[in-house]
Amino acid sequence: IYIRDAADNLRKALETFLQEFLQNDKNLDNNKGEICKYLTSQGADPSIGGMYKSIISTYKDINDKTVKHNDKIDARLLEFLLYQTGLLIRMVLRVSGQIVKCYTNVVTVVANKI
C-alpha cells in the first residue's frame, strides 16, 4: 500500500459517507452542493454551508493534484487530509443530531469563559 492510496481512500471515505448520508450515488464534487443545502435546511448558519462547500472544493483539488498525479506525498499533507476528512464528516453528523451530547459541555464552558 502506498501513501497516496491512503490519501485516496480518505477521499473515497468522504465521498461514500456523503452518498450514504444523502442517499444518492453522486460523486464528491456533485454532492458538495447537496450537503450544503442539507446543512442550511437543518438550521446551520448559512456561512457554514458556504465554508463547507469551499473546503470540499479545496480538499478535492489537493487530492486531485497530489494524490492522483504524484506518488510522493508528504506525511504532513496526509495527516491534514486525515483530520479534514474527519472534520467534514463530523460536522454533518453534528448538524444532523447524531452527535448531540459530545462536547456540548466543553463548548458551554468555553463560551462562558469568553
C-alpha atoms as a PDB file:
ATOM      1  CA  ILE A   1       0.000   0.000   0.000  1.00  0.00           C
ATOM      2  CA  TYR A   2       1.299   3.401  -0.974  1.00  0.00           C
ATOM      3  CA  ILE A   3       0.765   6.590   0.998  1.00  0.00           C
ATOM      4  CA  ARG A   4      -1.094   8.008  -1.990  1.00  0.00           C
ATOM      5  CA  ASP A   5      -3.528   5.089  -1.708  1.00  0.00           C
ATOM      6  CA  ALA A   6      -4.242   6.047   1.896  1.00  0.00           C
ATOM      7  CA  ALA A   7      -4.952   9.627   0.837  1.00  0.00           C
ATOM      8  CA  ASP A   8      -7.204   8.482  -1.997  1.00  0.00           C
ATOM      9  CA  ASN A   9      -9.027   6.181   0.430  1.00  0.00           C
ATOM     10  CA  LEU A  10      -9.732   9.193   2.653  1.00  0.00           C
ATOM     11  CA  ARG A  11     -11.341  10.990  -0.277  1.00  0.00           C
ATOM     12  CA  LYS A  12     -13.318   7.873  -1.124  1.00  0.00           C
ATOM     13  CA  ALA A  13     -14.434   7.566   2.521  1.00  0.00           C
ATOM     14  CA  LEU A  14     -15.791  11.121   2.472  1.00  0.00           C
ATOM     15  CA  GLU A  15     -17.461  10.567  -0.886  1.00  0.00           C
ATOM     16  CA  THR A  16     -19.055   7.301   0.284  1.00  0.00           C
ATOM     17  CA  PHE A  17     -20.181   8.848   3.563  1.00  0.00           C
ATOM     18  CA  LEU A  18     -21.954  11.671   1.710  1.00  0.00           C
ATOM     19  CA  GLN A  19     -23.538   9.223  -0.742  1.00  0.00           C
ATOM     20  CA  GLU A  20     -24.909   7.094   2.089  1.00  0.00           C
ATOM     21  CA  PHE A  21     -25.959  10.072   4.179  1.00  0.00           C
ATOM     22  CA  LEU A  22     -27.708  11.817   1.278  1.00  0.00           C
ATOM     23  CA  GLN A  23     -28.931   8.505  -0.175  1.00  0.00           C
ATOM     24  CA  ASN A  24     -27.608   9.091  -3.672  1.00  0.00           C
ATOM     25  CA  ASP A  25     -24.750   7.961  -5.898  1.00  0.00           C
ATOM     26  CA  LYS A  26     -23.274  11.359  -6.787  1.00  0.00           C
ATOM     27  CA  ASN A  27     -19.529  11.868  -6.669  1.00  0.00           C
ATOM     28  CA  LEU A  28     -17.875  14.161  -4.124  1.00  0.00           C
ATOM     29  CA  ASP A  29     -17.879  17.208  -6.379  1.00  0.00           C
ATOM     30  CA  ASN A  30     -21.557  16.814  -7.266  1.00  0.00           C
ATOM     31  CA  ASN A  31     -22.577  16.215  -3.647  1.00  0.00           C
ATOM     32  CA  LYS A  32     -20.991  19.336  -2.203  1.00  0.00           C
ATOM     33  CA  GLY A  33     -23.969  21.476  -3.174  1.00  0.00           C
ATOM     34  CA  GLU A  34     -26.380  18.874  -1.816  1.00  0.00           C
ATOM     35  CA  ILE A  35     -24.712  18.664   1.578  1.00  0.00           C
ATOM     36  CA  CYS A  36     -24.573  22.452   1.867  1.00  0.00           C
ATOM     37  CA  LYS A  37     -28.326  22.637   1.196  1.00  0.00           C
ATOM     38  CA  TYR A  38     -28.867  19.969   3.828  1.00  0.00           C
ATOM     39  CA  LEU A  39     -26.763  21.763   6.446  1.00  0.00           C
ATOM     40  CA  THR A  40     -28.620  25.026   5.881  1.00  0.00           C
ATOM     41  CA  SER A  41     -32.013  23.277   5.940  1.00  0.00           C
ATOM     42  CA  GLN A  42     -31.133  21.830   9.330  1.00  0.00           C
ATOM     43  CA  GLY A  43     -30.524  25.254  10.832  1.00  0.00           C
ATOM     44  CA  ALA A  44     -26.781  25.544  10.373  1.00  0.00           C
ATOM     45  CA  ASP A  45     -25.641  29.096   9.804  1.00  0.00           C
ATOM     46  CA  PRO A  46     -25.540  29.789   6.035  1.00  0.00           C
ATOM     47  CA  SER A  47     -21.865  30.713   6.323  1.00  0.00           C
ATOM     48  CA  ILE A  48     -21.143  27.137   7.430  1.00  0.00           C
ATOM     49  CA  GLY A  49     -22.715  25.817   4.242  1.00  0.00           C
ATOM     50  CA  GLY A  50     -20.624  28.183   2.146  1.00  0.00           C
ATOM     51  CA  MET A  51     -17.457  27.332   4.020  1.00  0.00           C
ATOM     52  CA  TYR A  52     -18.209  23.607   3.783  1.00  0.00           C
ATOM     53  CA  LYS A  53     -18.568  23.896   0.004  1.00  0.00           C
ATOM     54  CA  SER A  54     -15.285  25.790  -0.241  1.00  0.00           C
ATOM     55  CA  ILE A  55     -13.468  23.292   1.974  1.00  0.00           C
ATOM     56  CA  ILE A  56     -14.695  20.338  -0.082  1.00  0.00           C
ATOM     57  CA  SER A  57     -13.541  22.073  -3.280  1.00  0.00           C
ATOM     58  CA  THR A  58     -10.087  22.709  -1.827  1.00  0.00           C
ATOM     59  CA  TYR A  59      -9.948  19.187  -0.375  1.00  0.00           C
ATOM     60  CA  LYS A  60     -10.793  17.726  -3.782  1.00  0.00           C
ATOM     61  CA  ASP A  61      -8.250  19.956  -5.562  1.00  0.00           C
ATOM     62  CA  ILE A  62      -5.472  18.908  -3.172  1.00  0.00           C
ATOM     63  CA  ASN A  63      -6.428  15.289  -3.627  1.00  0.00           C
ATOM     64  CA  ASP A  64      -6.581  15.549  -7.423  1.00  0.00           C
ATOM     65  CA  LYS A  65      -3.241  17.349  -7.779  1.00  0.00           C
ATOM     66  CA  THR A  66      -1.267  15.459  -5.209  1.00  0.00           C
ATOM     67  CA  VAL A  67      -2.779  12.031  -4.871  1.00  0.00           C
ATOM     68  CA  LYS A  68      -3.794  11.199  -8.404  1.00  0.00           C
ATOM     69  CA  HIS A  69      -0.711  12.626 -10.109  1.00  0.00           C
ATOM     70  CA  ASN A  70       2.103  12.190  -7.636  1.00  0.00           C
ATOM     71  CA  ASP A  71       3.322   9.050  -5.856  1.00  0.00           C
ATOM     72  CA  LYS A  72       5.249  11.054  -3.271  1.00  0.00           C
ATOM     73  CA  ILE A  73       3.062  12.592  -0.601  1.00  0.00           C
ATOM     74  CA  ASP A  74       4.328  14.488   2.384  1.00  0.00           C
ATOM     75  CA  ALA A  75       3.246  12.834   5.642  1.00  0.00           C
ATOM     76  CA  ARG A  76       2.048  16.230   6.889  1.00  0.00           C
ATOM     77  CA  LEU A  77      -0.314  16.513   3.940  1.00  0.00           C
ATOM     78  CA  LEU A  78      -1.635  13.025   4.627  1.00  0.00           C
ATOM     79  CA  GLU A  79      -2.243  13.980   8.253  1.00  0.00           C
ATOM     80  CA  PHE A  80      -4.063  17.135   7.123  1.00  0.00           C
ATOM     81  CA  LEU A  81      -6.296  15.085   4.808  1.00  0.00           C
ATOM     82  CA  LEU A  82      -6.999  12.598   7.596  1.00  0.00           C
ATOM     83  CA  TYR A  83      -8.153  15.255  10.037  1.00  0.00           C
ATOM     84  CA  GLN A  84     -10.022  17.254   7.396  1.00  0.00           C
ATOM     85  CA  THR A  85     -11.942  14.137   6.373  1.00  0.00           C
ATOM     86  CA  GLY A  86     -12.967  13.574   9.978  1.00  0.00           C
ATOM     87  CA  LEU A  87     -13.981  17.203  10.476  1.00  0.00           C
ATOM     88  CA  LEU A  88     -16.135  17.252   7.363  1.00  0.00           C
ATOM     89  CA  ILE A  89     -17.923  14.057   8.381  1.00  0.00           C
ATOM     90  CA  ARG A  90     -18.256  15.185  11.987  1.00  0.00           C
ATOM     91  CA  MET A  91     -19.918  18.459  11.003  1.00  0.00           C
ATOM     92  CA  VAL A  92     -22.629  16.633   9.074  1.00  0.00           C
ATOM     93  CA  LEU A  93     -23.226  14.239  11.963  1.00  0.00           C
ATOM     94  CA  ARG A  94     -23.291  17.111  14.467  1.00  0.00           C
ATOM     95  CA  VAL A  95     -25.840  19.127  12.474  1.00  0.00           C
ATOM     96  CA  SER A  96     -27.971  16.020  11.881  1.00  0.00           C
ATOM     97  CA  GLY A  97     -28.201  15.438  15.617  1.00  0.00           C
ATOM     98  CA  GLN A  98     -26.313  12.164  15.547  1.00  0.00           C
ATOM     99  CA  ILE A  99     -23.667  13.718  17.782  1.00  0.00           C
ATOM    100  CA  VAL A 100     -25.711  15.534  20.380  1.00  0.00           C
ATOM    101  CA  LYS A 101     -24.025  15.440  23.762  1.00  0.00           C
ATOM    102  CA  CYS A 102     -20.446  15.088  22.637  1.00  0.00           C
ATOM    103  CA  TYR A 103     -18.556  18.241  23.565  1.00  0.00           C
ATOM    104  CA  THR A 104     -21.719  20.152  24.499  1.00  0.00           C
ATOM    105  CA  ASN A 105     -20.388  20.731  27.998  1.00  0.00           C
ATOM    106  CA  VAL A 106     -16.965  21.723  26.710  1.00  0.00           C
ATOM    107  CA  VAL A 107     -18.464  24.278  24.324  1.00  0.00           C
ATOM    108  CA  THR A 108     -20.605  25.688  27.130  1.00  0.00           C
ATOM    109  CA  VAL A 109     -17.603  26.045  29.430  1.00  0.00           C
ATOM    110  CA  VAL A 110     -15.509  27.707  26.742  1.00  0.00           C
ATOM    111  CA  ALA A 111     -18.348  30.047  25.760  1.00  0.00           C
ATOM    112  CA  ASN A 112     -18.817  31.082  29.386  1.00  0.00           C
ATOM    113  CA  LYS A 113     -15.120  31.930  29.729  1.00  0.00           C
ATOM    114  CA  ILE A 114     -15.056  34.192  26.692  1.00  0.00           C
END
